[in-house]
Every structure is written in structure tokens, then in C-alpha cells.
Amino acid sequence: MQSFKEYALRGIKRNPEIFSALEEFERTKRLPKFSYRKRIDVTIDEHLLKQFRDYCFKNGFNMSRVIEKHLKEELERAKQIN
């Protein structure tokens, strides 16, 4: 069974932004806003983007979540290969 210290250190390593937020709270008595989501800039074929946008709109999908899902699937596939 893990000690509290080991459990805490594992949590800090996995989510350092949470620890930073707690440090900021200790200093200012306010929790800062932080998000697990980041904006990225990518370039893709404009016709493909239009098709994808239309597909997501017609099916009620969030484009970002569909892309996230496919990224996760690709990383899982890569993990199985390596």
C-alpha cells in the first residue's frame, strides 16, 4: 500500500498545474483559473476541413472532441506497436 507521501508525489508529477494552483492559493488566497485544454494551430486541407466541419455539425459533434478521440486512438495504437 502506498504511503500518503508517495501518493501525493505521484499526483504532483502527473498534474503539476494543480500543485502550482495550490501554491498560488496559499500565496494569494485565490485559486487561479486553469484549463486542461490548450489551443493549437494546425494547417489542413481546406476542403477536408469543410467536409469535417459539415460532418460534425450534421451529427451534433464537437470538432475538438472528435479530434481528441482520434489522437488518443492513434497514441494507443503507437503504444501497442512500441
N, C-alpha and C. Protein backbone atom coordinates (compact mmCIF):
# COMPACT_ATOMS: atom_id res chain seq x y z
N MET A 1 0.85 -1.19 0.00
CA MET A 1 0.00 0.00 0.00
C MET A 1 0.89 1.25 0.00
N GLN A 2 0.51 2.22 -0.82
CA GLN A 2 1.30 3.44 -0.93
C GLN A 2 1.12 4.33 0.29
N SER A 3 2.20 4.99 0.67
CA SER A 3 2.09 5.98 1.73
C SER A 3 1.47 7.24 1.14
N PHE A 4 0.99 8.10 2.01
CA PHE A 4 0.39 9.35 1.55
C PHE A 4 1.41 10.16 0.76
N LYS A 5 2.65 10.17 1.23
CA LYS A 5 3.70 10.93 0.56
C LYS A 5 3.91 10.43 -0.87
N GLU A 6 3.99 9.11 -1.05
CA GLU A 6 4.17 8.55 -2.39
C GLU A 6 2.98 8.88 -3.29
N TYR A 7 1.79 8.77 -2.72
CA TYR A 7 0.57 9.08 -3.46
C TYR A 7 0.54 10.54 -3.88
N ALA A 8 0.92 11.45 -2.96
CA ALA A 8 0.94 12.88 -3.25
C ALA A 8 1.98 13.21 -4.32
N LEU A 9 3.17 12.64 -4.18
CA LEU A 9 4.22 12.90 -5.17
C LEU A 9 3.83 12.40 -6.56
N ARG A 10 3.17 11.27 -6.61
CA ARG A 10 2.70 10.74 -7.90
C ARG A 10 1.66 11.69 -8.50
N GLY A 11 0.77 12.21 -7.67
CA GLY A 11 -0.24 13.16 -8.14
C GLY A 11 0.37 14.45 -8.64
N ILE A 12 1.37 14.94 -7.93
CA ILE A 12 2.05 16.18 -8.35
C ILE A 12 2.78 15.96 -9.67
N LYS A 13 3.40 14.81 -9.81
CA LYS A 13 4.13 14.52 -11.06
C LYS A 13 3.15 14.42 -12.23
N ARG A 14 2.01 13.82 -11.99
CA ARG A 14 1.02 13.63 -13.05
C ARG A 14 0.31 14.92 -13.42
N ASN A 15 0.05 15.78 -12.42
CA ASN A 15 -0.70 17.03 -12.63
C ASN A 15 -0.01 18.21 -11.96
N PRO A 16 1.13 18.65 -12.48
CA PRO A 16 1.87 19.72 -11.81
C PRO A 16 1.10 21.04 -11.73
N GLU A 17 0.17 21.26 -12.66
CA GLU A 17 -0.59 22.52 -12.64
C GLU A 17 -1.49 22.61 -11.41
N ILE A 18 -1.93 21.50 -10.89
CA ILE A 18 -2.76 21.52 -9.68
C ILE A 18 -1.91 21.97 -8.50
N PHE A 19 -0.70 21.45 -8.40
CA PHE A 19 0.19 21.86 -7.32
C PHE A 19 0.51 23.34 -7.42
N SER A 20 0.75 23.82 -8.63
CA SER A 20 1.02 25.25 -8.84
C SER A 20 -0.19 26.09 -8.42
N ALA A 21 -1.39 25.61 -8.72
CA ALA A 21 -2.60 26.33 -8.33
C ALA A 21 -2.72 26.40 -6.81
N LEU A 22 -2.37 25.32 -6.13
CA LEU A 22 -2.42 25.32 -4.66
C LEU A 22 -1.38 26.26 -4.07
N GLU A 23 -0.20 26.32 -4.70
CA GLU A 23 0.82 27.27 -4.25
C GLU A 23 0.33 28.71 -4.41
N GLU A 24 -0.31 28.98 -5.54
CA GLU A 24 -0.86 30.31 -5.80
C GLU A 24 -1.96 30.65 -4.79
N PHE A 25 -2.79 29.66 -4.46
CA PHE A 25 -3.84 29.87 -3.46
C PHE A 25 -3.23 30.21 -2.10
N GLU A 26 -2.19 29.50 -1.74
CA GLU A 26 -1.53 29.76 -0.45
C GLU A 26 -0.98 31.18 -0.41
N ARG A 27 -0.47 31.65 -1.53
CA ARG A 27 0.11 32.98 -1.59
C ARG A 27 -0.96 34.08 -1.64
N THR A 28 -2.01 33.89 -2.45
CA THR A 28 -2.98 34.97 -2.70
C THR A 28 -4.36 34.74 -2.09
N LYS A 29 -4.61 33.55 -1.61
CA LYS A 29 -5.92 33.13 -1.10
C LYS A 29 -6.99 33.13 -2.20
N ARG A 30 -6.54 32.98 -3.44
CA ARG A 30 -7.43 32.84 -4.59
C ARG A 30 -6.93 31.69 -5.44
N LEU A 31 -7.87 30.91 -5.95
CA LEU A 31 -7.50 29.85 -6.87
C LEU A 31 -7.45 30.42 -8.28
N PRO A 32 -6.34 30.24 -8.98
CA PRO A 32 -6.26 30.75 -10.35
C PRO A 32 -7.09 29.89 -11.29
N LYS A 33 -7.54 30.49 -12.37
CA LYS A 33 -8.23 29.72 -13.40
C LYS A 33 -7.18 28.95 -14.18
N PHE A 34 -7.45 27.71 -14.43
CA PHE A 34 -6.59 26.95 -15.32
C PHE A 34 -7.43 25.92 -16.04
N SER A 35 -6.98 25.60 -17.20
CA SER A 35 -7.72 24.68 -18.05
C SER A 35 -6.79 23.56 -18.48
N TYR A 36 -7.36 22.42 -18.68
CA TYR A 36 -6.59 21.29 -19.18
C TYR A 36 -6.53 21.32 -20.70
N ARG A 37 -7.19 22.27 -21.29
CA ARG A 37 -7.24 22.34 -22.74
C ARG A 37 -6.32 23.44 -23.25
N LYS A 38 -5.68 23.17 -24.36
CA LYS A 38 -4.78 24.13 -24.99
C LYS A 38 -5.21 24.33 -26.43
N ARG A 39 -5.06 25.55 -26.89
CA ARG A 39 -5.31 25.84 -28.31
C ARG A 39 -4.05 25.50 -29.09
N ILE A 40 -4.26 24.98 -30.30
CA ILE A 40 -3.13 24.69 -31.17
C ILE A 40 -3.44 25.25 -32.56
N ASP A 41 -2.41 25.51 -33.29
CA ASP A 41 -2.56 25.94 -34.68
C ASP A 41 -2.06 24.81 -35.56
N VAL A 42 -2.91 24.37 -36.47
CA VAL A 42 -2.52 23.35 -37.42
C VAL A 42 -2.99 23.79 -38.80
N THR A 43 -2.37 23.25 -39.80
CA THR A 43 -2.84 23.52 -41.16
C THR A 43 -3.30 22.21 -41.77
N ILE A 44 -4.49 22.25 -42.34
CA ILE A 44 -5.02 21.08 -43.03
C ILE A 44 -5.69 21.56 -44.31
N ASP A 45 -5.93 20.65 -45.20
CA ASP A 45 -6.57 20.96 -46.47
C ASP A 45 -7.93 21.62 -46.21
N GLU A 46 -8.19 22.74 -46.90
CA GLU A 46 -9.43 23.48 -46.64
C GLU A 46 -10.67 22.69 -47.02
N HIS A 47 -10.59 21.85 -48.06
CA HIS A 47 -11.75 21.05 -48.46
C HIS A 47 -12.05 19.97 -47.43
N LEU A 48 -10.99 19.38 -46.89
CA LEU A 48 -11.15 18.39 -45.84
C LEU A 48 -11.76 19.03 -44.60
N LEU A 49 -11.29 20.22 -44.26
CA LEU A 49 -11.84 20.93 -43.11
C LEU A 49 -13.33 21.22 -43.29
N LYS A 50 -13.71 21.66 -44.47
CA LYS A 50 -15.13 21.95 -44.72
C LYS A 50 -15.97 20.68 -44.57
N GLN A 51 -15.48 19.57 -45.14
CA GLN A 51 -16.21 18.31 -45.01
C GLN A 51 -16.32 17.89 -43.55
N PHE A 52 -15.23 18.03 -42.82
CA PHE A 52 -15.22 17.65 -41.40
C PHE A 52 -16.16 18.53 -40.60
N ARG A 53 -16.12 19.83 -40.85
CA ARG A 53 -16.99 20.78 -40.14
C ARG A 53 -18.46 20.44 -40.42
N ASP A 54 -18.80 20.19 -41.68
CA ASP A 54 -20.18 19.84 -42.05
C ASP A 54 -20.60 18.54 -41.38
N TYR A 55 -19.71 17.55 -41.41
CA TYR A 55 -19.98 16.25 -40.78
C TYR A 55 -20.29 16.42 -39.29
N CYS A 56 -19.44 17.18 -38.61
CA CYS A 56 -19.63 17.38 -37.17
C CYS A 56 -20.92 18.14 -36.90
N PHE A 57 -21.21 19.15 -37.68
CA PHE A 57 -22.43 19.93 -37.49
C PHE A 57 -23.68 19.07 -37.69
N LYS A 58 -23.70 18.29 -38.78
CA LYS A 58 -24.86 17.45 -39.08
C LYS A 58 -25.10 16.38 -38.01
N ASN A 59 -24.03 15.91 -37.39
CA ASN A 59 -24.15 14.84 -36.40
C ASN A 59 -24.12 15.34 -34.96
N GLY A 60 -24.02 16.66 -34.77
CA GLY A 60 -24.02 17.22 -33.43
C GLY A 60 -22.75 16.96 -32.65
N PHE A 61 -21.64 16.80 -33.35
CA PHE A 61 -20.36 16.53 -32.70
C PHE A 61 -19.58 17.82 -32.49
N ASN A 62 -18.78 17.82 -31.44
CA ASN A 62 -17.84 18.90 -31.20
C ASN A 62 -16.55 18.54 -31.94
N MET A 63 -16.11 19.41 -32.84
CA MET A 63 -14.94 19.10 -33.65
C MET A 63 -13.70 18.79 -32.80
N SER A 64 -13.49 19.56 -31.77
CA SER A 64 -12.31 19.35 -30.91
C SER A 64 -12.35 17.98 -30.25
N ARG A 65 -13.53 17.56 -29.78
CA ARG A 65 -13.62 16.27 -29.10
C ARG A 65 -13.40 15.11 -30.07
N VAL A 66 -13.88 15.26 -31.31
CA VAL A 66 -13.66 14.21 -32.31
C VAL A 66 -12.16 14.09 -32.59
N ILE A 67 -11.49 15.21 -32.74
CA ILE A 67 -10.05 15.20 -33.00
C ILE A 67 -9.31 14.60 -31.81
N GLU A 68 -9.68 14.98 -30.58
CA GLU A 68 -9.06 14.41 -29.38
C GLU A 68 -9.20 12.90 -29.36
N LYS A 69 -10.40 12.43 -29.69
CA LYS A 69 -10.67 10.99 -29.69
C LYS A 69 -9.72 10.28 -30.66
N HIS A 70 -9.57 10.84 -31.85
CA HIS A 70 -8.70 10.20 -32.83
C HIS A 70 -7.22 10.29 -32.44
N LEU A 71 -6.83 11.38 -31.81
CA LEU A 71 -5.45 11.49 -31.31
C LEU A 71 -5.17 10.41 -30.26
N LYS A 72 -6.12 10.23 -29.34
CA LYS A 72 -5.94 9.20 -28.31
C LYS A 72 -5.84 7.81 -28.93
N GLU A 73 -6.71 7.55 -29.91
CA GLU A 73 -6.67 6.25 -30.58
C GLU A 73 -5.32 6.03 -31.27
N GLU A 74 -4.80 7.06 -31.92
CA GLU A 74 -3.52 6.95 -32.61
C GLU A 74 -2.38 6.70 -31.61
N LEU A 75 -2.42 7.38 -30.48
CA LEU A 75 -1.38 7.19 -29.47
C LEU A 75 -1.47 5.80 -28.86
N GLU A 76 -2.66 5.27 -28.67
CA GLU A 76 -2.82 3.90 -28.16
C GLU A 76 -2.26 2.90 -29.16
N ARG A 77 -2.55 3.12 -30.44
CA ARG A 77 -2.01 2.24 -31.49
C ARG A 77 -0.49 2.28 -31.49
N ALA A 78 0.07 3.45 -31.38
CA ALA A 78 1.53 3.60 -31.36
C ALA A 78 2.13 2.92 -30.14
N LYS A 79 1.43 3.01 -29.01
CA LYS A 79 1.91 2.37 -27.79
C LYS A 79 1.95 0.85 -27.94
N GLN A 80 0.96 0.29 -28.63
CA GLN A 80 0.91 -1.15 -28.82
C GLN A 80 2.01 -1.63 -29.76
N ILE A 81 2.38 -0.78 -30.72
CA ILE A 81 3.43 -1.15 -31.67
C ILE A 81 4.79 -1.14 -30.99
N ASN A 82 5.01 -0.12 -30.15
CA ASN A 82 6.31 0.01 -29.48
C ASN A 82 6.29 -0.82 -28.28
